[in-house]
Amino acid sequence: MNTIILTTCSNSTEAYLIKGTLENNGIDCFLTNENFSNLMPHYFNIMGAGIQVMIDESDLEKAQKLISSPKADEIVCPNCNSSNVTFGFGYNKVKKWFIVFLSLFSWVPFGNIRKNFRCEDCKTEF
């Protein structure tokens, strides 16, 4: 039962995301060099100074598949399943910009003006 280095991460956020993914899938792991890398981030990759994710040698193949799987970051329209989606103020842009300018001139905060996703194919806002 040997422990090996699965990967070396440049920051603790990335290392904890990988650690969480592995632990959620039943692979025991731990991090090394975490304090050194957080205290001296400019020494990254000098003498293996990155945060190392350590796993058992028997879990290597499963762990490599988990961390190399593609991420589902693509936004699709819930109405037509198109990926031709933009992010912006939506149809009532003029109204939202009017509220922003009015609030700037009257020195009153305008509150929360949300941006929405908009499908360019079926014109649905979500």
N, C-alpha and C. Protein backbone atom coordinates (compact mmCIF):
# COMPACT_ATOMS: atom_id res chain seq x y z
N MET A 1 0.84 -1.18 0.00
CA MET A 1 0.00 0.00 0.00
C MET A 1 0.88 1.24 0.00
N ASN A 2 1.27 1.68 -1.20
CA ASN A 2 2.13 2.84 -1.34
C ASN A 2 1.30 4.07 -1.68
N THR A 3 1.72 5.21 -1.16
CA THR A 3 1.07 6.46 -1.54
C THR A 3 1.90 7.11 -2.63
N ILE A 4 1.21 7.65 -3.62
CA ILE A 4 1.88 8.30 -4.73
C ILE A 4 1.26 9.67 -4.96
N ILE A 5 1.97 10.49 -5.71
CA ILE A 5 1.48 11.83 -6.05
C ILE A 5 0.56 11.71 -7.27
N LEU A 6 -0.69 12.13 -7.09
CA LEU A 6 -1.62 12.14 -8.22
C LEU A 6 -1.37 13.34 -9.10
N THR A 7 -1.30 14.52 -8.49
CA THR A 7 -1.07 15.75 -9.23
C THR A 7 -0.50 16.80 -8.29
N THR A 8 0.05 17.84 -8.86
CA THR A 8 0.55 18.98 -8.10
C THR A 8 -0.25 20.20 -8.53
N CYS A 9 -0.83 20.88 -7.57
CA CYS A 9 -1.70 22.03 -7.84
C CYS A 9 -0.97 23.33 -7.53
N SER A 10 -1.36 24.39 -8.21
CA SER A 10 -0.71 25.68 -8.01
C SER A 10 -1.29 26.46 -6.84
N ASN A 11 -2.52 26.15 -6.41
CA ASN A 11 -3.10 26.85 -5.26
C ASN A 11 -3.99 25.91 -4.46
N SER A 12 -4.33 26.34 -3.26
CA SER A 12 -5.08 25.46 -2.37
C SER A 12 -6.53 25.27 -2.83
N THR A 13 -7.09 26.23 -3.52
CA THR A 13 -8.46 26.09 -4.01
C THR A 13 -8.57 24.93 -4.99
N GLU A 14 -7.66 24.90 -5.93
CA GLU A 14 -7.65 23.81 -6.92
C GLU A 14 -7.42 22.46 -6.23
N ALA A 15 -6.51 22.44 -5.26
CA ALA A 15 -6.21 21.19 -4.55
C ALA A 15 -7.41 20.69 -3.77
N TYR A 16 -8.12 21.60 -3.09
CA TYR A 16 -9.29 21.17 -2.32
C TYR A 16 -10.45 20.74 -3.21
N LEU A 17 -10.57 21.32 -4.40
CA LEU A 17 -11.60 20.86 -5.35
C LEU A 17 -11.31 19.43 -5.81
N ILE A 18 -10.05 19.16 -6.10
CA ILE A 18 -9.68 17.79 -6.50
C ILE A 18 -9.86 16.83 -5.34
N LYS A 19 -9.45 17.26 -4.15
CA LYS A 19 -9.60 16.40 -2.97
C LYS A 19 -11.07 16.08 -2.71
N GLY A 20 -11.93 17.07 -2.82
CA GLY A 20 -13.36 16.85 -2.62
C GLY A 20 -13.96 15.91 -3.64
N THR A 21 -13.54 16.06 -4.90
CA THR A 21 -14.02 15.17 -5.96
C THR A 21 -13.61 13.73 -5.68
N LEU A 22 -12.37 13.55 -5.28
CA LEU A 22 -11.88 12.20 -5.00
C LEU A 22 -12.58 11.59 -3.80
N GLU A 23 -12.73 12.36 -2.73
CA GLU A 23 -13.37 11.82 -1.52
C GLU A 23 -14.85 11.52 -1.75
N ASN A 24 -15.52 12.32 -2.57
CA ASN A 24 -16.92 12.05 -2.89
C ASN A 24 -17.10 10.76 -3.69
N ASN A 25 -16.05 10.35 -4.36
CA ASN A 25 -16.11 9.11 -5.14
C ASN A 25 -15.41 7.95 -4.44
N GLY A 26 -15.17 8.09 -3.15
CA GLY A 26 -14.66 6.98 -2.34
C GLY A 26 -13.17 6.75 -2.41
N ILE A 27 -12.40 7.73 -2.85
CA ILE A 27 -10.94 7.59 -2.91
C ILE A 27 -10.34 8.41 -1.77
N ASP A 28 -9.63 7.74 -0.87
CA ASP A 28 -8.97 8.45 0.23
C ASP A 28 -7.76 9.18 -0.31
N CYS A 29 -7.58 10.43 0.13
CA CYS A 29 -6.44 11.22 -0.31
C CYS A 29 -6.09 12.24 0.77
N PHE A 30 -4.91 12.82 0.63
CA PHE A 30 -4.51 13.90 1.53
C PHE A 30 -3.59 14.84 0.76
N LEU A 31 -3.40 16.05 1.31
CA LEU A 31 -2.61 17.08 0.66
C LEU A 31 -1.29 17.26 1.40
N THR A 32 -0.22 17.51 0.65
CA THR A 32 1.07 17.84 1.25
C THR A 32 1.56 19.16 0.67
N ASN A 33 2.49 19.79 1.36
CA ASN A 33 3.07 21.09 0.98
C ASN A 33 2.06 22.22 0.96
N GLU A 34 0.95 22.05 1.63
CA GLU A 34 -0.10 23.07 1.58
C GLU A 34 0.35 24.37 2.25
N ASN A 35 0.91 24.27 3.44
CA ASN A 35 1.31 25.48 4.16
C ASN A 35 2.43 26.21 3.44
N PHE A 36 3.41 25.48 2.96
CA PHE A 36 4.53 26.10 2.24
C PHE A 36 4.04 26.84 1.00
N SER A 37 3.15 26.22 0.26
CA SER A 37 2.65 26.84 -0.97
C SER A 37 1.76 28.05 -0.69
N ASN A 38 1.05 28.04 0.43
CA ASN A 38 0.21 29.19 0.77
C ASN A 38 1.04 30.35 1.31
N LEU A 39 2.10 30.05 2.05
CA LEU A 39 2.93 31.10 2.61
C LEU A 39 3.87 31.71 1.59
N MET A 40 4.35 30.90 0.65
CA MET A 40 5.30 31.37 -0.36
C MET A 40 4.85 30.95 -1.75
N PRO A 41 3.79 31.56 -2.27
CA PRO A 41 3.26 31.12 -3.57
C PRO A 41 4.21 31.40 -4.73
N HIS A 42 5.15 32.33 -4.57
CA HIS A 42 6.07 32.65 -5.65
C HIS A 42 7.11 31.55 -5.86
N TYR A 43 7.21 30.58 -4.94
CA TYR A 43 8.11 29.45 -5.09
C TYR A 43 7.42 28.24 -5.71
N PHE A 44 6.31 28.44 -6.37
CA PHE A 44 5.58 27.33 -6.98
C PHE A 44 6.47 26.60 -7.98
N ASN A 45 6.49 25.29 -7.88
CA ASN A 45 7.24 24.37 -8.75
C ASN A 45 8.75 24.46 -8.60
N ILE A 46 9.25 25.14 -7.59
CA ILE A 46 10.67 25.06 -7.30
C ILE A 46 10.84 23.94 -6.30
N MET A 47 11.54 22.92 -6.68
CA MET A 47 11.76 21.73 -5.86
C MET A 47 10.44 21.09 -5.44
N GLY A 48 9.48 21.04 -6.32
CA GLY A 48 8.20 20.39 -6.03
C GLY A 48 7.39 21.12 -4.98
N ALA A 49 7.37 22.44 -5.04
CA ALA A 49 6.75 23.22 -3.99
C ALA A 49 5.24 23.39 -4.13
N GLY A 50 4.63 22.87 -5.17
CA GLY A 50 3.18 22.99 -5.30
C GLY A 50 2.47 22.08 -4.31
N ILE A 51 1.19 22.26 -4.17
CA ILE A 51 0.39 21.42 -3.27
C ILE A 51 0.17 20.08 -3.95
N GLN A 52 0.62 19.03 -3.31
CA GLN A 52 0.55 17.70 -3.91
C GLN A 52 -0.65 16.94 -3.36
N VAL A 53 -1.41 16.32 -4.27
CA VAL A 53 -2.53 15.47 -3.89
C VAL A 53 -2.02 14.04 -3.89
N MET A 54 -2.03 13.42 -2.71
CA MET A 54 -1.49 12.07 -2.54
C MET A 54 -2.63 11.06 -2.43
N ILE A 55 -2.49 9.93 -3.14
CA ILE A 55 -3.50 8.87 -3.10
C ILE A 55 -2.80 7.52 -2.97
N ASP A 56 -3.58 6.49 -2.74
CA ASP A 56 -3.07 5.13 -2.72
C ASP A 56 -2.80 4.68 -4.16
N GLU A 57 -1.76 3.91 -4.34
CA GLU A 57 -1.36 3.48 -5.68
C GLU A 57 -2.45 2.66 -6.38
N SER A 58 -3.24 1.93 -5.63
CA SER A 58 -4.28 1.10 -6.23
C SER A 58 -5.44 1.92 -6.80
N ASP A 59 -5.58 3.17 -6.37
CA ASP A 59 -6.66 4.04 -6.84
C ASP A 59 -6.24 4.96 -7.98
N LEU A 60 -5.04 4.77 -8.52
CA LEU A 60 -4.49 5.72 -9.49
C LEU A 60 -5.34 5.84 -10.75
N GLU A 61 -5.72 4.74 -11.36
CA GLU A 61 -6.48 4.81 -12.62
C GLU A 61 -7.83 5.48 -12.44
N LYS A 62 -8.54 5.10 -11.38
CA LYS A 62 -9.86 5.69 -11.12
C LYS A 62 -9.73 7.19 -10.85
N ALA A 63 -8.71 7.58 -10.09
CA ALA A 63 -8.51 8.99 -9.76
C ALA A 63 -8.15 9.81 -10.99
N GLN A 64 -7.31 9.27 -11.86
CA GLN A 64 -6.95 9.99 -13.08
C GLN A 64 -8.15 10.19 -13.99
N LYS A 65 -9.04 9.21 -14.05
CA LYS A 65 -10.25 9.37 -14.85
C LYS A 65 -11.15 10.46 -14.27
N LEU A 66 -11.23 10.51 -12.93
CA LEU A 66 -12.09 11.50 -12.29
C LEU A 66 -11.61 12.93 -12.51
N ILE A 67 -10.31 13.15 -12.37
CA ILE A 67 -9.83 14.53 -12.48
C ILE A 67 -9.64 14.97 -13.92
N SER A 68 -9.64 14.04 -14.87
CA SER A 68 -9.49 14.42 -16.27
C SER A 68 -10.81 14.45 -17.02
N SER A 69 -11.92 14.15 -16.34
CA SER A 69 -13.21 14.16 -17.02
C SER A 69 -13.60 15.58 -17.39
N PRO A 70 -14.22 15.78 -18.55
CA PRO A 70 -14.59 17.13 -18.97
C PRO A 70 -15.65 17.74 -18.06
N LYS A 71 -15.57 19.03 -17.90
CA LYS A 71 -16.52 19.76 -17.05
C LYS A 71 -17.75 20.15 -17.87
N ALA A 72 -18.89 20.17 -17.22
CA ALA A 72 -20.14 20.55 -17.87
C ALA A 72 -20.40 22.04 -17.64
N ASP A 73 -19.61 22.90 -18.31
CA ASP A 73 -19.73 24.33 -18.12
C ASP A 73 -20.58 25.01 -19.19
N GLU A 74 -20.99 24.29 -20.20
CA GLU A 74 -21.72 24.90 -21.30
C GLU A 74 -23.16 25.17 -20.88
N ILE A 75 -23.60 26.39 -21.09
CA ILE A 75 -24.96 26.80 -20.77
C ILE A 75 -25.84 26.50 -21.98
N VAL A 76 -26.95 25.83 -21.76
CA VAL A 76 -27.89 25.54 -22.83
C VAL A 76 -29.27 26.10 -22.47
N CYS A 77 -30.03 26.41 -23.48
CA CYS A 77 -31.38 26.95 -23.29
C CYS A 77 -32.30 25.85 -22.76
N PRO A 78 -33.07 26.13 -21.71
CA PRO A 78 -34.00 25.11 -21.21
C PRO A 78 -35.20 24.89 -22.12
N ASN A 79 -35.45 25.82 -23.04
CA ASN A 79 -36.60 25.71 -23.92
C ASN A 79 -36.29 24.89 -25.18
N CYS A 80 -35.17 25.20 -25.84
CA CYS A 80 -34.87 24.53 -27.11
C CYS A 80 -33.54 23.76 -27.09
N ASN A 81 -32.84 23.73 -25.97
CA ASN A 81 -31.56 23.03 -25.80
C ASN A 81 -30.47 23.54 -26.74
N SER A 82 -30.55 24.79 -27.14
CA SER A 82 -29.53 25.39 -27.99
C SER A 82 -28.38 25.91 -27.13
N SER A 83 -27.17 25.89 -27.67
CA SER A 83 -26.03 26.45 -26.95
C SER A 83 -25.70 27.86 -27.43
N ASN A 84 -26.53 28.43 -28.28
CA ASN A 84 -26.35 29.79 -28.77
C ASN A 84 -26.96 30.76 -27.75
N VAL A 85 -26.27 30.91 -26.62
CA VAL A 85 -26.79 31.67 -25.48
C VAL A 85 -25.86 32.83 -25.18
N THR A 86 -26.43 34.00 -24.92
CA THR A 86 -25.65 35.17 -24.52
C THR A 86 -26.04 35.58 -23.10
N PHE A 87 -25.15 36.35 -22.47
CA PHE A 87 -25.37 36.82 -21.10
C PHE A 87 -25.42 38.33 -21.14
N GLY A 88 -26.54 38.91 -20.68
CA GLY A 88 -26.66 40.36 -20.72
C GLY A 88 -27.88 40.84 -20.00
N PHE A 89 -28.26 42.08 -20.32
CA PHE A 89 -29.40 42.71 -19.65
C PHE A 89 -30.74 42.21 -20.16
N GLY A 90 -30.78 41.56 -21.29
CA GLY A 90 -32.03 41.01 -21.79
C GLY A 90 -32.80 42.00 -22.64
N TYR A 91 -34.12 41.78 -22.73
CA TYR A 91 -34.97 42.61 -23.59
C TYR A 91 -35.18 44.01 -23.04
N ASN A 92 -35.29 44.14 -21.74
CA ASN A 92 -35.59 45.45 -21.16
C ASN A 92 -34.31 46.18 -20.79
N LYS A 93 -33.36 46.25 -21.72
CA LYS A 93 -32.10 46.95 -21.52
C LYS A 93 -32.31 48.43 -21.26
N VAL A 94 -33.17 49.03 -22.03
CA VAL A 94 -33.40 50.47 -21.91
C VAL A 94 -33.92 50.81 -20.52
N LYS A 95 -34.84 50.03 -20.04
CA LYS A 95 -35.40 50.26 -18.70
C LYS A 95 -34.32 50.14 -17.63
N LYS A 96 -33.48 49.13 -17.75
CA LYS A 96 -32.43 48.94 -16.74
C LYS A 96 -31.39 50.05 -16.79
N TRP A 97 -30.99 50.47 -17.99
CA TRP A 97 -30.04 51.58 -18.09
C TRP A 97 -30.65 52.89 -17.59
N PHE A 98 -31.94 53.09 -17.83
CA PHE A 98 -32.61 54.28 -17.32
C PHE A 98 -32.57 54.30 -15.79
N ILE A 99 -32.80 53.16 -15.17
CA ILE A 99 -32.75 53.07 -13.70
C ILE A 99 -31.34 53.37 -13.20
N VAL A 100 -30.34 52.87 -13.89
CA VAL A 100 -28.95 53.13 -13.49
C VAL A 100 -28.63 54.61 -13.57
N PHE A 101 -28.95 55.26 -14.68
CA PHE A 101 -28.66 56.69 -14.82
C PHE A 101 -29.47 57.53 -13.85
N LEU A 102 -30.73 57.18 -13.64
CA LEU A 102 -31.55 57.90 -12.69
C LEU A 102 -30.97 57.80 -11.28
N SER A 103 -30.50 56.63 -10.93
CA SER A 103 -29.94 56.46 -9.59
C SER A 103 -28.61 57.19 -9.45
N LEU A 104 -27.83 57.28 -10.52
CA LEU A 104 -26.58 58.02 -10.45
C LEU A 104 -26.81 59.51 -10.26
N PHE A 105 -27.81 60.05 -10.93
CA PHE A 105 -28.08 61.48 -10.82
C PHE A 105 -28.80 61.85 -9.54
N SER A 106 -29.54 60.93 -8.97
CA SER A 106 -30.27 61.23 -7.73
C SER A 106 -29.54 60.72 -6.49
N TRP A 107 -28.38 60.12 -6.65
CA TRP A 107 -27.57 59.61 -5.54
C TRP A 107 -28.31 58.58 -4.71
N VAL A 108 -29.13 57.76 -5.35
CA VAL A 108 -29.87 56.70 -4.67
C VAL A 108 -29.40 55.37 -5.27
N PRO A 109 -29.06 54.40 -4.43
CA PRO A 109 -28.63 53.12 -4.99
C PRO A 109 -29.73 52.47 -5.81
N PHE A 110 -29.35 51.87 -6.92
CA PHE A 110 -30.35 51.31 -7.83
C PHE A 110 -30.75 49.89 -7.48
N GLY A 111 -30.16 49.30 -6.49
CA GLY A 111 -30.55 47.95 -6.09
C GLY A 111 -29.92 46.90 -6.97
N ASN A 112 -30.58 45.82 -7.11
CA ASN A 112 -30.04 44.68 -7.84
C ASN A 112 -30.60 44.64 -9.25
N ILE A 113 -29.77 44.97 -10.22
CA ILE A 113 -30.16 44.83 -11.62
C ILE A 113 -29.49 43.57 -12.13
N ARG A 114 -30.28 42.55 -12.34
CA ARG A 114 -29.75 41.25 -12.71
C ARG A 114 -29.51 41.16 -14.21
N LYS A 115 -28.47 40.45 -14.53
CA LYS A 115 -28.25 40.08 -15.92
C LYS A 115 -28.83 38.68 -16.11
N ASN A 116 -29.32 38.42 -17.29
CA ASN A 116 -29.96 37.14 -17.59
C ASN A 116 -29.29 36.48 -18.78
N PHE A 117 -29.46 35.17 -18.88
CA PHE A 117 -29.07 34.46 -20.08
C PHE A 117 -30.20 34.60 -21.09
N ARG A 118 -29.84 34.69 -22.37
CA ARG A 118 -30.84 34.83 -23.42
C ARG A 118 -30.46 33.94 -24.59
N CYS A 119 -31.40 33.11 -25.00
CA CYS A 119 -31.19 32.23 -26.15
C CYS A 119 -31.40 33.05 -27.42
N GLU A 120 -30.43 33.01 -28.31
CA GLU A 120 -30.52 33.77 -29.56
C GLU A 120 -31.38 33.06 -30.60
N ASP A 121 -31.66 31.78 -30.38
CA ASP A 121 -32.47 31.03 -31.35
C ASP A 121 -33.96 31.19 -31.09
N CYS A 122 -34.39 30.95 -29.83
CA CYS A 122 -35.83 31.03 -29.53
C CYS A 122 -36.19 32.27 -28.71
N LYS A 123 -35.21 33.13 -28.41
CA LYS A 123 -35.40 34.40 -27.70
C LYS A 123 -35.94 34.24 -26.28
N THR A 124 -35.67 33.12 -25.63
CA THR A 124 -36.11 32.88 -24.26
C THR A 124 -35.09 33.46 -23.29
N GLU A 125 -35.57 34.14 -22.26
CA GLU A 125 -34.70 34.64 -21.19
C GLU A 125 -34.81 33.72 -19.99
N PHE A 126 -33.67 33.39 -19.40
CA PHE A 126 -33.67 32.54 -18.21
C PHE A 126 -32.53 32.92 -17.31
